[in-house]
């Protein structure tokens, strides 16, 4: 009996945090500061709540996620991107070096920006050049970067 009551209470808490998270969305920069980078789905936050009992963390996740829908993420495209990386750390990322040297020119709306101590990431931009999403690419292969940019970044300069 106690187990069912506890389960009901947790369900109510989680449901209320879901509805609150949907109302209060944070910007991409705020989410990145909290450690939520990339294109997190709200279903990922639900999974997180099953393993982590920190309601504040789950709430922050819900404020930074994208609603799930059939193929919702594959339809999102961006006007441009910035590949940001620390020049001193490039030696540790041969796949990214290869992309910059051999493939970057295939994407006129993508530019490289060097920032001290920055992990390799793609900053995805809207039509106004404003940051919309950030995706860490530390462990990506060159072909994954190419595939992602072909799908997500429009071809115009």
N, C-alpha and C. Protein backbone atom coordinates (compact mmCIF):
# COMPACT_ATOMS: atom_id res chain seq x y z
N UNK A 1 0.83 -1.20 0.00
CA UNK A 1 0.00 0.00 0.00
C UNK A 1 0.86 1.25 0.00
N UNK A 2 1.90 1.27 0.85
CA UNK A 2 2.80 2.43 0.88
C UNK A 2 3.47 2.63 -0.47
N UNK A 3 3.82 1.52 -1.12
CA UNK A 3 4.48 1.60 -2.42
C UNK A 3 3.59 2.26 -3.46
N UNK A 4 2.30 1.93 -3.42
CA UNK A 4 1.37 2.53 -4.39
C UNK A 4 1.19 4.02 -4.12
N UNK A 5 1.13 4.40 -2.85
CA UNK A 5 0.98 5.81 -2.50
C UNK A 5 2.22 6.59 -2.92
N UNK A 6 3.40 6.03 -2.63
CA UNK A 6 4.65 6.67 -3.02
C UNK A 6 4.73 6.82 -4.53
N UNK A 7 4.33 5.79 -5.24
CA UNK A 7 4.33 5.82 -6.71
C UNK A 7 3.39 6.91 -7.22
N UNK A 8 2.22 7.04 -6.61
CA UNK A 8 1.25 8.05 -7.02
C UNK A 8 1.80 9.45 -6.76
N UNK A 9 2.44 9.65 -5.62
CA UNK A 9 3.02 10.95 -5.28
C UNK A 9 4.11 11.31 -6.28
N UNK A 10 5.00 10.36 -6.58
CA UNK A 10 6.07 10.62 -7.54
C UNK A 10 5.52 10.92 -8.93
N UNK A 11 4.44 10.25 -9.30
CA UNK A 11 3.83 10.50 -10.60
C UNK A 11 3.28 11.92 -10.67
N UNK A 12 2.63 12.37 -9.60
CA UNK A 12 2.09 13.72 -9.55
C UNK A 12 3.22 14.75 -9.61
N UNK A 13 4.29 14.50 -8.86
CA UNK A 13 5.43 15.42 -8.87
C UNK A 13 6.03 15.49 -10.26
N UNK A 14 6.24 14.33 -10.88
CA UNK A 14 6.84 14.31 -12.21
C UNK A 14 5.93 14.98 -13.23
N UNK A 15 4.64 14.72 -13.16
CA UNK A 15 3.70 15.33 -14.12
C UNK A 15 3.67 16.84 -13.95
N UNK A 16 3.71 17.32 -12.71
CA UNK A 16 3.70 18.77 -12.50
C UNK A 16 5.00 19.39 -12.98
N UNK A 17 6.12 18.69 -12.81
CA UNK A 17 7.38 19.24 -13.31
C UNK A 17 7.40 19.23 -14.83
N UNK A 18 6.72 18.26 -15.45
CA UNK A 18 6.64 18.23 -16.92
C UNK A 18 5.88 19.44 -17.43
N UNK A 19 4.75 19.73 -16.85
CA UNK A 19 3.96 20.85 -17.33
C UNK A 19 4.67 22.17 -17.03
N UNK A 20 5.35 22.28 -15.91
CA UNK A 20 6.07 23.49 -15.60
C UNK A 20 7.23 23.68 -16.55
N UNK A 21 7.96 22.59 -16.87
CA UNK A 21 9.09 22.66 -17.78
C UNK A 21 8.68 23.09 -19.17
N UNK A 22 7.48 22.71 -19.59
CA UNK A 22 7.02 23.08 -20.92
C UNK A 22 6.73 24.58 -20.99
N UNK A 23 6.34 25.18 -19.87
CA UNK A 23 5.98 26.58 -19.88
C UNK A 23 7.21 27.47 -19.79
N UNK A 24 8.24 27.06 -19.14
CA UNK A 24 9.41 27.88 -18.88
C UNK A 24 10.62 27.35 -19.64
N UNK A 25 10.75 27.68 -20.91
CA UNK A 25 11.89 27.22 -21.70
C UNK A 25 13.05 28.20 -21.52
N UNK A 26 14.26 27.64 -21.43
CA UNK A 26 15.47 28.45 -21.33
C UNK A 26 16.08 28.61 -22.71
N UNK A 27 16.94 29.60 -22.84
CA UNK A 27 17.67 29.81 -24.09
C UNK A 27 18.82 28.82 -24.21
N UNK A 28 19.35 28.71 -25.42
CA UNK A 28 20.43 27.76 -25.70
C UNK A 28 21.67 28.04 -24.86
N UNK A 29 22.01 29.31 -24.68
CA UNK A 29 23.20 29.66 -23.90
C UNK A 29 23.02 29.27 -22.43
N UNK A 30 21.84 29.53 -21.87
CA UNK A 30 21.58 29.17 -20.48
C UNK A 30 21.64 27.65 -20.30
N UNK A 31 21.07 26.93 -21.26
CA UNK A 31 21.06 25.47 -21.18
C UNK A 31 22.48 24.91 -21.27
N UNK A 32 23.29 25.51 -22.14
CA UNK A 32 24.67 25.04 -22.27
C UNK A 32 25.43 25.23 -20.96
N UNK A 33 25.19 26.36 -20.29
CA UNK A 33 25.85 26.61 -19.01
C UNK A 33 25.47 25.56 -17.97
N UNK A 34 24.25 25.04 -18.09
CA UNK A 34 23.79 24.00 -17.17
C UNK A 34 24.27 22.61 -17.58
N UNK A 35 24.88 22.51 -18.77
CA UNK A 35 25.39 21.23 -19.24
C UNK A 35 24.46 20.50 -20.18
N UNK A 36 23.37 21.14 -20.59
CA UNK A 36 22.43 20.53 -21.53
C UNK A 36 22.72 21.06 -22.92
N UNK A 37 23.64 20.40 -23.62
CA UNK A 37 23.98 20.82 -24.97
C UNK A 37 23.43 19.82 -25.96
N UNK A 38 23.27 20.29 -27.15
CA UNK A 38 22.76 19.39 -28.18
C UNK A 38 21.27 19.46 -28.28
N UNK A 39 20.68 18.48 -28.89
CA UNK A 39 19.26 18.47 -29.18
C UNK A 39 18.57 17.43 -28.31
N UNK A 40 18.44 17.70 -27.02
CA UNK A 40 17.83 16.75 -26.10
C UNK A 40 16.32 16.71 -26.29
N UNK A 41 15.79 15.51 -26.34
CA UNK A 41 14.34 15.33 -26.40
C UNK A 41 13.78 15.30 -24.98
N UNK A 42 12.55 15.75 -24.83
CA UNK A 42 11.91 15.73 -23.51
C UNK A 42 11.76 14.31 -22.97
N UNK A 43 11.66 13.33 -23.85
CA UNK A 43 11.60 11.95 -23.39
C UNK A 43 12.92 11.54 -22.71
N UNK A 44 14.03 12.17 -23.12
CA UNK A 44 15.31 11.92 -22.46
C UNK A 44 15.26 12.40 -21.01
N UNK A 45 14.57 13.50 -20.77
CA UNK A 45 14.44 14.03 -19.41
C UNK A 45 13.62 13.08 -18.55
N UNK A 46 12.61 12.47 -19.16
CA UNK A 46 11.80 11.49 -18.42
C UNK A 46 12.67 10.30 -18.02
N UNK A 47 13.49 9.85 -18.95
CA UNK A 47 14.41 8.75 -18.65
C UNK A 47 15.38 9.15 -17.56
N UNK A 48 15.89 10.38 -17.63
CA UNK A 48 16.79 10.90 -16.60
C UNK A 48 16.13 10.84 -15.24
N UNK A 49 14.85 11.22 -15.17
CA UNK A 49 14.15 11.24 -13.89
C UNK A 49 14.00 9.85 -13.28
N UNK A 50 14.06 8.82 -14.11
CA UNK A 50 13.96 7.46 -13.60
C UNK A 50 15.23 7.03 -12.88
N UNK A 51 16.35 7.63 -13.25
CA UNK A 51 17.63 7.23 -12.68
C UNK A 51 18.20 8.24 -11.70
N UNK A 52 17.83 9.50 -11.86
CA UNK A 52 18.33 10.57 -10.99
C UNK A 52 17.15 11.15 -10.23
N UNK A 53 17.24 11.19 -8.94
CA UNK A 53 16.12 11.65 -8.12
C UNK A 53 16.22 13.13 -7.76
N UNK A 54 17.05 13.88 -8.46
CA UNK A 54 17.21 15.31 -8.24
C UNK A 54 16.17 16.05 -9.08
N UNK A 55 15.09 16.50 -8.46
CA UNK A 55 13.99 17.14 -9.18
C UNK A 55 14.42 18.45 -9.83
N UNK A 56 15.37 19.16 -9.22
CA UNK A 56 15.85 20.41 -9.82
C UNK A 56 16.56 20.14 -11.14
N UNK A 57 17.38 19.09 -11.18
CA UNK A 57 18.08 18.70 -12.39
C UNK A 57 17.09 18.29 -13.48
N UNK A 58 16.10 17.50 -13.13
CA UNK A 58 15.08 17.08 -14.09
C UNK A 58 14.31 18.29 -14.60
N UNK A 59 13.99 19.22 -13.74
CA UNK A 59 13.27 20.43 -14.14
C UNK A 59 14.10 21.25 -15.12
N UNK A 60 15.41 21.38 -14.85
CA UNK A 60 16.28 22.11 -15.77
C UNK A 60 16.35 21.40 -17.13
N UNK A 61 16.40 20.08 -17.09
CA UNK A 61 16.40 19.30 -18.33
C UNK A 61 15.14 19.60 -19.13
N UNK A 62 14.01 19.62 -18.45
CA UNK A 62 12.73 19.87 -19.12
C UNK A 62 12.65 21.28 -19.70
N UNK A 63 13.37 22.21 -19.10
CA UNK A 63 13.37 23.58 -19.62
C UNK A 63 14.27 23.73 -20.84
N UNK A 64 15.12 22.73 -21.10
CA UNK A 64 16.06 22.81 -22.21
C UNK A 64 15.78 21.81 -23.32
N UNK A 65 14.71 21.05 -23.20
CA UNK A 65 14.47 19.97 -24.16
C UNK A 65 13.57 20.41 -25.31
N UNK A 66 13.53 19.57 -26.33
CA UNK A 66 12.68 19.76 -27.49
C UNK A 66 11.59 18.71 -27.40
N UNK A 67 10.35 19.13 -27.62
CA UNK A 67 9.23 18.20 -27.56
C UNK A 67 9.39 17.06 -28.56
N UNK A 68 9.02 15.87 -28.14
CA UNK A 68 9.08 14.70 -29.00
C UNK A 68 7.89 14.72 -29.95
N UNK A 69 8.13 14.34 -31.17
CA UNK A 69 7.06 14.09 -32.13
C UNK A 69 7.65 13.22 -33.22
N UNK A 70 6.82 12.69 -34.05
CA UNK A 70 7.32 11.83 -35.11
C UNK A 70 8.28 12.61 -35.99
N UNK A 71 9.53 12.19 -35.94
CA UNK A 71 10.56 12.75 -36.81
C UNK A 71 10.75 14.25 -36.60
N UNK A 72 10.48 14.76 -35.40
CA UNK A 72 10.53 16.20 -35.17
C UNK A 72 11.93 16.78 -35.37
N UNK A 73 12.95 16.09 -34.92
CA UNK A 73 14.30 16.63 -35.02
C UNK A 73 14.84 16.59 -36.44
N UNK A 74 14.42 15.63 -37.23
CA UNK A 74 14.95 15.54 -38.58
C UNK A 74 14.45 16.69 -39.45
N UNK A 75 13.37 17.33 -39.06
CA UNK A 75 12.81 18.43 -39.85
C UNK A 75 13.42 19.78 -39.49
N UNK A 76 14.13 19.88 -38.40
CA UNK A 76 14.72 21.14 -37.97
C UNK A 76 15.98 21.39 -38.78
N UNK A 77 16.04 22.59 -39.40
CA UNK A 77 17.25 22.98 -40.13
C UNK A 77 17.68 24.37 -39.66
N UNK A 78 18.91 24.70 -39.96
CA UNK A 78 19.49 25.96 -39.51
C UNK A 78 20.10 26.70 -40.69
N UNK A 79 20.18 28.03 -40.58
CA UNK A 79 20.69 28.86 -41.65
C UNK A 79 22.21 28.82 -41.73
N UNK A 80 22.86 28.49 -40.64
CA UNK A 80 24.32 28.45 -40.62
C UNK A 80 24.82 27.78 -39.36
N UNK A 81 26.15 27.70 -39.28
CA UNK A 81 26.75 27.08 -38.10
C UNK A 81 28.15 27.64 -37.90
N UNK A 82 28.59 27.57 -36.66
CA UNK A 82 29.96 27.93 -36.31
C UNK A 82 30.59 26.67 -35.71
N UNK A 83 31.71 26.25 -36.26
CA UNK A 83 32.46 25.16 -35.66
C UNK A 83 33.46 25.83 -34.73
N UNK A 84 33.22 25.68 -33.43
CA UNK A 84 34.08 26.32 -32.44
C UNK A 84 35.00 25.28 -31.82
N UNK A 85 36.28 25.62 -31.74
CA UNK A 85 37.27 24.69 -31.19
C UNK A 85 38.47 25.49 -30.69
N UNK A 86 39.20 24.93 -29.75
CA UNK A 86 40.43 25.53 -29.27
C UNK A 86 41.56 25.14 -30.21
N UNK A 87 42.27 26.12 -30.74
CA UNK A 87 43.34 25.85 -31.69
C UNK A 87 44.42 24.96 -31.08
N UNK A 88 44.71 25.15 -29.81
CA UNK A 88 45.75 24.36 -29.14
C UNK A 88 45.36 22.90 -28.97
N UNK A 89 44.05 22.63 -28.92
CA UNK A 89 43.58 21.26 -28.72
C UNK A 89 43.31 20.52 -30.04
N UNK A 90 43.43 21.22 -31.16
CA UNK A 90 43.12 20.59 -32.44
C UNK A 90 43.94 19.33 -32.69
N UNK A 91 45.15 19.29 -32.17
CA UNK A 91 46.00 18.12 -32.37
C UNK A 91 45.35 16.85 -31.84
N UNK A 92 44.45 16.98 -30.89
CA UNK A 92 43.76 15.84 -30.31
C UNK A 92 42.51 15.42 -31.10
N UNK A 93 42.18 16.19 -32.13
CA UNK A 93 40.96 15.93 -32.90
C UNK A 93 41.28 15.86 -34.40
N UNK A 94 41.97 14.80 -34.84
CA UNK A 94 42.34 14.70 -36.26
C UNK A 94 41.13 14.67 -37.21
N UNK A 95 40.01 14.14 -36.77
CA UNK A 95 38.82 14.11 -37.62
C UNK A 95 38.31 15.53 -37.89
N UNK A 96 38.37 16.38 -36.88
CA UNK A 96 37.92 17.75 -37.03
C UNK A 96 38.91 18.54 -37.88
N UNK A 97 40.20 18.29 -37.69
CA UNK A 97 41.22 18.92 -38.53
C UNK A 97 40.99 18.55 -39.99
N UNK A 98 40.72 17.27 -40.26
CA UNK A 98 40.46 16.83 -41.62
C UNK A 98 39.25 17.52 -42.21
N UNK A 99 38.21 17.67 -41.42
CA UNK A 99 37.02 18.37 -41.91
C UNK A 99 37.35 19.83 -42.25
N UNK A 100 38.06 20.51 -41.34
CA UNK A 100 38.38 21.92 -41.56
C UNK A 100 39.25 22.09 -42.81
N UNK A 101 40.24 21.23 -42.96
CA UNK A 101 41.17 21.36 -44.08
C UNK A 101 40.57 20.94 -45.41
N UNK A 102 39.76 19.88 -45.43
CA UNK A 102 39.32 19.30 -46.69
C UNK A 102 37.84 19.52 -47.03
N UNK A 103 36.99 19.67 -46.04
CA UNK A 103 35.55 19.67 -46.32
C UNK A 103 34.81 20.95 -45.97
N UNK A 104 35.39 21.80 -45.16
CA UNK A 104 34.69 22.98 -44.68
C UNK A 104 34.21 23.87 -45.81
N UNK A 105 34.98 23.98 -46.89
CA UNK A 105 34.62 24.86 -48.00
C UNK A 105 33.36 24.40 -48.74
N UNK A 106 32.92 23.17 -48.53
CA UNK A 106 31.69 22.67 -49.13
C UNK A 106 30.46 23.27 -48.46
N UNK A 107 30.67 23.94 -47.33
CA UNK A 107 29.58 24.50 -46.53
C UNK A 107 29.81 26.01 -46.35
N UNK A 108 29.35 26.84 -47.31
CA UNK A 108 29.60 28.28 -47.22
C UNK A 108 28.96 28.95 -46.00
N UNK A 109 27.93 28.35 -45.43
CA UNK A 109 27.28 28.96 -44.26
C UNK A 109 27.86 28.46 -42.94
N UNK A 110 28.97 27.73 -43.02
CA UNK A 110 29.65 27.25 -41.81
C UNK A 110 31.00 27.94 -41.72
N UNK A 111 31.27 28.51 -40.56
CA UNK A 111 32.58 29.12 -40.36
C UNK A 111 33.26 28.51 -39.14
N UNK A 112 34.57 28.63 -39.11
CA UNK A 112 35.36 28.10 -37.99
C UNK A 112 35.71 29.25 -37.08
N UNK A 113 35.56 29.03 -35.79
CA UNK A 113 35.87 30.04 -34.79
C UNK A 113 36.76 29.39 -33.74
N UNK A 114 37.89 29.99 -33.48
CA UNK A 114 38.80 29.46 -32.48
C UNK A 114 38.58 30.19 -31.16
N UNK A 115 38.35 29.42 -30.11
CA UNK A 115 38.11 29.98 -28.78
C UNK A 115 38.96 29.20 -27.77
N UNK A 116 39.69 29.91 -26.96
CA UNK A 116 40.58 29.28 -26.00
C UNK A 116 39.84 28.29 -25.11
N UNK A 117 40.37 27.09 -25.03
CA UNK A 117 39.90 26.02 -24.15
C UNK A 117 38.49 25.51 -24.48
N UNK A 118 37.99 25.84 -25.65
CA UNK A 118 36.64 25.39 -26.02
C UNK A 118 36.69 23.96 -26.54
N UNK A 119 35.78 23.12 -26.07
CA UNK A 119 35.69 21.78 -26.66
C UNK A 119 35.09 21.92 -28.06
N UNK A 120 35.39 20.99 -28.96
CA UNK A 120 34.83 21.09 -30.30
C UNK A 120 33.30 21.01 -30.26
N UNK A 121 32.67 21.99 -30.91
CA UNK A 121 31.21 22.01 -30.94
C UNK A 121 30.72 22.75 -32.17
N UNK A 122 29.53 22.41 -32.58
CA UNK A 122 28.83 23.13 -33.64
C UNK A 122 27.78 24.01 -32.99
N UNK A 123 27.85 25.29 -33.27
CA UNK A 123 26.86 26.24 -32.79
C UNK A 123 25.94 26.50 -33.98
N UNK A 124 24.70 26.09 -33.86
CA UNK A 124 23.75 26.18 -34.97
C UNK A 124 22.98 27.50 -34.89
N UNK A 125 22.87 28.18 -36.04
CA UNK A 125 22.34 29.54 -36.09
C UNK A 125 21.03 29.62 -36.86
N UNK A 126 20.18 30.55 -36.43
CA UNK A 126 18.93 30.78 -37.16
C UNK A 126 19.17 31.78 -38.30
N UNK A 127 18.10 32.22 -38.96
CA UNK A 127 18.21 33.14 -40.10
C UNK A 127 18.81 34.48 -39.72
N UNK A 128 18.68 34.87 -38.45
CA UNK A 128 19.22 36.15 -37.98
C UNK A 128 20.64 36.02 -37.46
N UNK A 129 21.21 34.83 -37.56
CA UNK A 129 22.57 34.62 -37.06
C UNK A 129 22.64 34.41 -35.56
N UNK A 130 21.50 34.20 -34.93
CA UNK A 130 21.44 33.98 -33.49
C UNK A 130 21.63 32.51 -33.17
N UNK A 131 22.31 32.23 -32.07
CA UNK A 131 22.55 30.85 -31.63
C UNK A 131 21.24 30.19 -31.23
N UNK A 132 20.96 28.99 -31.82
CA UNK A 132 19.75 28.25 -31.49
C UNK A 132 20.07 26.98 -30.71
N UNK A 133 21.09 26.25 -31.14
CA UNK A 133 21.46 25.00 -30.49
C UNK A 133 22.98 24.87 -30.52
N UNK A 134 23.49 24.07 -29.60
CA UNK A 134 24.91 23.75 -29.57
C UNK A 134 25.06 22.25 -29.45
N UNK A 135 25.93 21.69 -30.29
CA UNK A 135 26.13 20.24 -30.29
C UNK A 135 27.62 19.97 -30.13
N UNK A 136 27.98 19.25 -29.09
CA UNK A 136 29.38 18.86 -28.89
C UNK A 136 29.74 17.78 -29.90
N UNK A 137 30.93 17.89 -30.49
CA UNK A 137 31.34 16.94 -31.52
C UNK A 137 32.71 16.33 -31.21
N UNK A 138 33.06 16.26 -29.95
CA UNK A 138 34.37 15.75 -29.52
C UNK A 138 34.73 14.42 -30.18
N UNK A 139 33.81 13.49 -30.18
CA UNK A 139 34.12 12.13 -30.63
C UNK A 139 33.54 11.80 -32.00
N UNK A 140 33.13 12.80 -32.73
CA UNK A 140 32.52 12.55 -34.04
C UNK A 140 33.59 12.25 -35.08
N UNK A 141 33.27 11.35 -35.97
CA UNK A 141 34.09 11.08 -37.15
C UNK A 141 33.78 12.15 -38.19
N UNK A 142 34.70 12.33 -39.11
CA UNK A 142 34.53 13.33 -40.16
C UNK A 142 33.24 13.10 -40.96
N UNK A 143 32.96 11.85 -41.28
CA UNK A 143 31.74 11.56 -42.05
C UNK A 143 30.48 11.89 -41.27
N UNK A 144 30.53 11.81 -39.93
CA UNK A 144 29.37 12.18 -39.12
C UNK A 144 29.15 13.70 -39.15
N UNK A 145 30.24 14.45 -39.12
CA UNK A 145 30.13 15.91 -39.22
C UNK A 145 29.51 16.28 -40.56
N UNK A 146 30.02 15.68 -41.63
CA UNK A 146 29.50 15.94 -42.98
C UNK A 146 28.01 15.61 -43.08
N UNK A 147 27.65 14.43 -42.60
CA UNK A 147 26.26 13.98 -42.67
C UNK A 147 25.35 14.93 -41.88
N UNK A 148 25.78 15.31 -40.69
CA UNK A 148 24.98 16.20 -39.85
C UNK A 148 24.79 17.55 -40.53
N UNK A 149 25.86 18.12 -41.07
CA UNK A 149 25.76 19.42 -41.72
C UNK A 149 24.89 19.36 -42.98
N UNK A 150 25.00 18.28 -43.74
CA UNK A 150 24.15 18.13 -44.93
C UNK A 150 22.67 18.11 -44.54
N UNK A 151 22.34 17.47 -43.42
CA UNK A 151 20.95 17.36 -42.99
C UNK A 151 20.42 18.61 -42.30
N UNK A 152 21.28 19.28 -41.53
CA UNK A 152 20.81 20.34 -40.63
C UNK A 152 21.07 21.76 -41.07
N UNK A 153 22.03 21.99 -41.95
CA UNK A 153 22.39 23.35 -42.32
C UNK A 153 22.01 23.58 -43.79
N UNK A 154 21.25 24.64 -44.04
CA UNK A 154 20.83 24.94 -45.41
C UNK A 154 22.04 25.32 -46.25
N UNK A 155 21.95 25.10 -47.54
CA UNK A 155 23.10 25.25 -48.44
C UNK A 155 23.44 26.70 -48.75
N UNK A 156 22.55 27.65 -48.51
CA UNK A 156 22.82 29.05 -48.87
C UNK A 156 23.92 29.63 -48.01
N UNK A 157 24.63 30.62 -48.60
CA UNK A 157 25.75 31.26 -47.90
C UNK A 157 25.27 32.28 -46.90
